[in-house]
Amino acid sequence: MKLREHVVFDIGEEKFKYFQHIDKDKKYKVDMIDLNKRLNQSKKNNLFSNIKIIIISLLCLAIIAMISLKV
C-alpha cells in the first residue's frame, strides 16, 4: 500500500516544496510588458462589456416605459 506524501510547513525545511519546478536551472521571470498588455486588454474588454450591459438595460427600460405609457 502506498502512503500519501505529506507536505511539511516547517521553517527549517525547504519552504513550499510543491511550488518548486522540476527544472531548477531555468529561471522563471515575468515579462512586465506582456503583463501590462494583457492587463490593459482585459480592462478594455471589461469596459466594453459593461457598456453593452448598460445600453441593453436602458433599452429594455425604455421599451417597458413605452409599453406602460400605451396602456
C-alpha atoms as a PDB file:
ATOM      1  CA  MET A   1       0.000   0.000   0.000  1.00  0.00           C
ATOM      2  CA  LYS A   2       1.381   3.388  -0.978  1.00  0.00           C
ATOM      3  CA  LEU A   3       1.481   6.090   1.653  1.00  0.00           C
ATOM      4  CA  ARG A   4       0.347   9.589   0.767  1.00  0.00           C
ATOM      5  CA  GLU A   5       3.061  12.217   0.567  1.00  0.00           C
ATOM      6  CA  HIS A   6       2.841  14.806   3.297  1.00  0.00           C
ATOM      7  CA  VAL A   7       3.759  18.457   2.775  1.00  0.00           C
ATOM      8  CA  VAL A   8       5.670  19.849   5.743  1.00  0.00           C
ATOM      9  CA  PHE A   9       5.385  23.551   6.527  1.00  0.00           C
ATOM     10  CA  ASP A  10       8.477  23.715   8.688  1.00  0.00           C
ATOM     11  CA  ILE A  11      10.686  26.803   8.596  1.00  0.00           C
ATOM     12  CA  GLY A  12      13.786  24.608   8.758  1.00  0.00           C
ATOM     13  CA  GLU A  13      12.654  22.658   5.681  1.00  0.00           C
ATOM     14  CA  GLU A  14      12.610  23.997   2.147  1.00  0.00           C
ATOM     15  CA  LYS A  15       9.508  26.136   2.000  1.00  0.00           C
ATOM     16  CA  PHE A  16       6.666  25.047  -0.219  1.00  0.00           C
ATOM     17  CA  LYS A  17       8.317  22.117  -1.971  1.00  0.00           C
ATOM     18  CA  TYR A  18       5.263  21.571  -4.148  1.00  0.00           C
ATOM     19  CA  PHE A  19       5.726  25.041  -5.701  1.00  0.00           C
ATOM     20  CA  GLN A  20       9.213  24.241  -6.958  1.00  0.00           C
ATOM     21  CA  HIS A  21       9.659  23.483 -10.634  1.00  0.00           C
ATOM     22  CA  ILE A  22      11.233  20.329 -11.953  1.00  0.00           C
ATOM     23  CA  ASP A  23      13.825  22.254 -13.956  1.00  0.00           C
ATOM     24  CA  LYS A  24      15.708  24.220 -11.305  1.00  0.00           C
ATOM     25  CA  ASP A  25      18.269  25.652 -13.731  1.00  0.00           C
ATOM     26  CA  LYS A  26      15.693  27.598 -15.688  1.00  0.00           C
ATOM     27  CA  LYS A  27      14.687  30.932 -14.172  1.00  0.00           C
ATOM     28  CA  TYR A  28      11.021  31.833 -14.463  1.00  0.00           C
ATOM     29  CA  LYS A  29      10.720  35.572 -14.904  1.00  0.00           C
ATOM     30  CA  VAL A  30       7.658  37.676 -15.559  1.00  0.00           C
ATOM     31  CA  ASP A  31       7.707  39.879 -18.639  1.00  0.00           C
ATOM     32  CA  MET A  32       6.264  43.163 -17.365  1.00  0.00           C
ATOM     33  CA  ILE A  33       5.490  44.488 -20.851  1.00  0.00           C
ATOM     34  CA  ASP A  34       3.447  41.411 -21.726  1.00  0.00           C
ATOM     35  CA  LEU A  35       1.742  41.509 -18.339  1.00  0.00           C
ATOM     36  CA  ASN A  36       0.768  45.172 -18.824  1.00  0.00           C
ATOM     37  CA  LYS A  37      -0.548  44.460 -22.345  1.00  0.00           C
ATOM     38  CA  ARG A  38      -2.761  41.676 -21.052  1.00  0.00           C
ATOM     39  CA  LEU A  39      -3.968  43.821 -18.146  1.00  0.00           C
ATOM     40  CA  ASN A  40      -4.845  46.709 -20.462  1.00  0.00           C
ATOM     41  CA  GLN A  41      -6.640  44.354 -22.851  1.00  0.00           C
ATOM     42  CA  SER A  42      -8.687  42.861 -20.042  1.00  0.00           C
ATOM     43  CA  LYS A  43      -9.582  46.361 -18.809  1.00  0.00           C
ATOM     44  CA  LYS A  44     -10.793  47.295 -22.322  1.00  0.00           C
ATOM     45  CA  ASN A  45     -12.825  44.099 -22.583  1.00  0.00           C
ATOM     46  CA  ASN A  46     -14.414  44.702 -19.185  1.00  0.00           C
ATOM     47  CA  LEU A  47     -15.238  48.299 -20.101  1.00  0.00           C
ATOM     48  CA  PHE A  48     -16.889  47.276 -23.375  1.00  0.00           C
ATOM     49  CA  SER A  49     -18.832  44.523 -21.619  1.00  0.00           C
ATOM     50  CA  ASN A  50     -20.081  46.964 -19.011  1.00  0.00           C
ATOM     51  CA  ILE A  51     -21.108  49.475 -21.687  1.00  0.00           C
ATOM     52  CA  LYS A  52     -23.031  46.767 -23.572  1.00  0.00           C
ATOM     53  CA  ILE A  53     -24.867  45.708 -20.417  1.00  0.00           C
ATOM     54  CA  ILE A  54     -25.786  49.317 -19.565  1.00  0.00           C
ATOM     55  CA  ILE A  55     -27.060  50.010 -23.096  1.00  0.00           C
ATOM     56  CA  ILE A  56     -29.141  46.827 -23.177  1.00  0.00           C
ATOM     57  CA  SER A  57     -30.576  47.603 -19.728  1.00  0.00           C
ATOM     58  CA  LEU A  58     -31.509  51.137 -20.750  1.00  0.00           C
ATOM     59  CA  LEU A  59     -33.074  49.833 -23.970  1.00  0.00           C
ATOM     60  CA  CYS A  60     -35.173  47.333 -22.001  1.00  0.00           C
ATOM     61  CA  LEU A  61     -36.260  50.050 -19.578  1.00  0.00           C
ATOM     62  CA  ALA A  62     -37.218  52.294 -22.488  1.00  0.00           C
ATOM     63  CA  ILE A  63     -39.269  49.513 -24.095  1.00  0.00           C
ATOM     64  CA  ILE A  64     -41.046  48.798 -20.798  1.00  0.00           C
ATOM     65  CA  ALA A  65     -41.730  52.528 -20.299  1.00  0.00           C
ATOM     66  CA  MET A  66     -43.196  52.852 -23.805  1.00  0.00           C
ATOM     67  CA  ILE A  67     -45.407  49.807 -23.279  1.00  0.00           C
ATOM     68  CA  SER A  68     -46.632  51.116 -19.929  1.00  0.00           C
ATOM     69  CA  LEU A  69     -47.438  54.553 -21.429  1.00  0.00           C
ATOM     70  CA  LYS A  70     -49.590  52.972 -24.153  1.00  0.00           C
ATOM     71  CA  VAL A  71     -51.717  51.050 -21.631  1.00  0.00           C
END
